Amino acid sequence: METHVLVVHTRPRPGAEAEYHRWYDDFHLDEVLRVPGFVSARRLQLLPRDAGDDLFEGSPARPGSHLALFTVETDDIDATIAAFQRARTSMRVPDCLDPDSVTLSWWRSLGHRTTARSAAAPGRTGTASTPTSSHRKAPSP
């Protein structure tokens, strides 16, 4: 069984932040986690100090200010991605979500998870753990 991560950048429409968080936490995470192979989800928000325009100067597109990380365990990532794409067709896109902010990228794990405790273990030689990406702009709903 291989572990993969679906990384989703989004942002709420201005003034709709509370509705966006309710939708994501109370509805959307559950509908994504019903897709076979999806085992966990975690949401993050960009720190305000990193949200300035200068951080993205020269970038072709500014990413969303919110990030969802979905852990996927599967022996057939292509079939899992296909199942996710099929499920997306029935997922409602709420008005509180800025559809232009949505980007998806699929990542595969390399090596084992390293923690501060395991990195300091005697005799540990270290394991590189740099994800690879297949980045796709999500189609507009």
Protein backbone atom coordinates (compact mmCIF):
# COMPACT_ATOMS: atom_id res chain seq x y z
CA MET A 1 0.00 0.00 0.00
CA GLU A 2 1.49 3.33 -1.05
CA THR A 3 0.76 6.63 0.67
CA HIS A 4 -0.08 9.70 -1.40
CA VAL A 5 -1.26 13.19 -0.56
CA LEU A 6 -3.77 15.33 -2.42
CA VAL A 7 -2.89 18.99 -1.82
CA VAL A 8 -5.74 21.46 -2.41
CA HIS A 9 -5.27 25.24 -2.37
CA THR A 10 -8.44 27.32 -1.99
CA ARG A 11 -9.65 30.59 -0.50
CA PRO A 12 -13.01 31.92 0.59
CA ARG A 13 -14.71 34.78 -1.17
CA PRO A 14 -14.25 38.05 0.74
CA GLY A 15 -16.84 38.36 3.49
CA ALA A 16 -17.79 34.67 3.31
CA GLU A 17 -15.06 33.24 5.54
CA ALA A 18 -17.37 31.86 8.27
CA GLU A 19 -19.62 30.14 5.72
CA TYR A 20 -16.56 28.74 3.92
CA HIS A 21 -15.16 27.22 7.14
CA ARG A 22 -18.57 25.74 8.07
CA TRP A 23 -18.93 24.20 4.60
CA TYR A 24 -15.39 22.79 4.58
CA ASP A 25 -15.42 21.41 8.14
CA ASP A 26 -19.04 20.25 8.40
CA PHE A 27 -19.60 18.96 4.88
CA HIS A 28 -16.79 18.91 2.34
CA LEU A 29 -14.14 17.00 4.30
CA ASP A 30 -16.62 14.16 4.88
CA GLU A 31 -17.64 13.97 1.22
CA VAL A 32 -14.01 13.75 0.10
CA LEU A 33 -13.14 11.19 2.78
CA ARG A 34 -15.92 8.91 1.44
CA VAL A 35 -13.82 8.35 -1.70
CA PRO A 36 -12.13 4.92 -1.39
CA GLY A 37 -8.48 5.27 -0.39
CA PHE A 38 -8.85 8.66 1.31
CA VAL A 39 -7.97 8.09 4.97
CA SER A 40 -7.44 11.50 6.61
CA ALA A 41 -7.61 15.25 6.06
CA ARG A 42 -5.97 18.28 7.57
CA ARG A 43 -6.67 21.96 6.90
CA LEU A 44 -4.24 24.86 7.19
CA GLN A 45 -4.37 28.61 6.69
CA LEU A 46 -1.55 30.79 5.39
CA LEU A 47 -0.09 33.01 8.11
CA PRO A 48 -1.03 36.66 7.57
CA ARG A 49 2.67 37.63 7.50
CA ASP A 50 3.12 35.38 4.43
CA ALA A 51 0.01 36.55 2.59
CA GLY A 52 1.52 39.76 1.20
CA ASP A 53 1.82 40.28 -2.54
CA ASP A 54 5.63 40.44 -2.37
CA LEU A 55 5.79 36.74 -1.44
CA PHE A 56 4.29 35.82 -4.80
CA GLU A 57 6.01 38.46 -6.92
CA GLY A 58 6.95 36.91 -10.25
CA SER A 59 4.63 33.92 -9.73
CA PRO A 60 2.18 33.23 -12.56
CA ALA A 61 -0.68 32.66 -10.12
CA ARG A 62 -1.18 33.38 -6.46
CA PRO A 63 -2.18 30.25 -4.55
CA GLY A 64 -5.19 30.10 -2.28
CA SER A 65 -4.77 31.19 1.33
CA HIS A 66 -6.11 27.89 2.63
CA LEU A 67 -4.69 24.42 2.20
CA ALA A 68 -6.23 20.98 2.64
CA LEU A 69 -4.01 17.90 2.80
CA PHE A 70 -5.76 14.60 2.14
CA THR A 71 -3.84 11.41 2.89
CA VAL A 72 -4.56 8.63 0.41
CA GLU A 73 -3.53 5.00 0.81
CA THR A 74 -3.83 2.86 -2.30
CA ASP A 75 -2.09 0.31 -4.46
CA ASP A 76 -3.56 1.91 -7.60
CA ILE A 77 -3.27 5.71 -7.53
CA ASP A 78 -4.64 6.06 -11.07
CA ALA A 79 -7.86 4.25 -10.08
CA THR A 80 -8.11 6.35 -6.91
CA ILE A 81 -7.66 9.59 -8.84
CA ALA A 82 -10.32 8.44 -11.31
CA ALA A 83 -12.70 7.65 -8.41
CA PHE A 84 -12.02 11.09 -6.94
CA GLN A 85 -12.70 12.78 -10.30
CA ARG A 86 -16.01 10.88 -10.59
CA ALA A 87 -16.95 11.89 -7.04
CA ARG A 88 -16.10 15.54 -7.76
CA THR A 89 -18.87 15.71 -10.36
CA SER A 90 -21.45 15.44 -7.56
CA MET A 91 -19.66 17.73 -5.08
CA ARG A 92 -21.43 21.05 -4.67
CA VAL A 93 -19.25 24.15 -5.09
CA PRO A 94 -20.65 26.74 -2.67
CA ASP A 95 -20.86 30.47 -3.32
CA CYS A 96 -18.48 31.09 -0.40
CA LEU A 97 -15.58 29.44 -2.32
CA ASP A 98 -13.53 31.47 -4.80
CA PRO A 99 -13.47 28.99 -7.73
CA ASP A 100 -10.42 30.69 -9.30
CA SER A 101 -8.36 29.82 -6.22
CA VAL A 102 -8.77 26.04 -6.47
CA THR A 103 -5.69 24.06 -7.46
CA LEU A 104 -5.03 20.37 -6.93
CA SER A 105 -1.74 18.50 -6.88
CA TRP A 106 -1.12 14.83 -6.18
CA TRP A 107 2.02 13.81 -4.26
CA ARG A 108 3.60 10.44 -3.58
CA SER A 109 5.59 9.67 -0.46
CA LEU A 110 9.29 8.95 -0.71
CA GLY A 111 10.94 7.10 2.13
CA HIS A 112 9.51 6.96 5.61
CA ARG A 113 8.09 9.67 7.82
CA THR A 114 10.84 11.28 9.85
CA THR A 115 10.16 12.83 13.24
CA ALA A 116 12.47 14.74 15.57
CA ARG A 117 12.63 11.68 17.81
CA SER A 118 13.48 9.25 14.97
CA ALA A 119 16.03 11.66 13.43
CA ALA A 120 17.91 11.78 16.74
CA ALA A 121 17.87 7.99 17.23
CA PRO A 122 21.34 6.41 17.66
CA GLY A 123 22.59 4.70 14.51
CA ARG A 124 20.03 6.42 12.27
CA THR A 125 21.45 7.07 8.82
CA GLY A 126 18.63 9.36 7.67
CA THR A 127 16.01 9.08 4.97
CA ALA A 128 15.36 11.73 2.33
CA SER A 129 11.66 12.51 2.15
CA THR A 130 10.97 14.96 -0.66
CA PRO A 131 7.56 14.65 -2.34
CA THR A 132 7.15 14.65 -6.10
CA SER A 133 4.29 16.54 -7.69
CA SER A 134 1.84 16.18 -10.48
CA HIS A 135 0.35 19.68 -10.40
CA ARG A 136 -2.93 20.40 -12.13
CA LYS A 137 -5.12 23.49 -12.17
CA ALA A 138 -8.55 22.37 -11.09
CA PRO A 139 -11.22 22.86 -13.75
CA SER A 140 -13.73 25.55 -12.93
CA PRO A 141 -16.95 24.02 -11.63
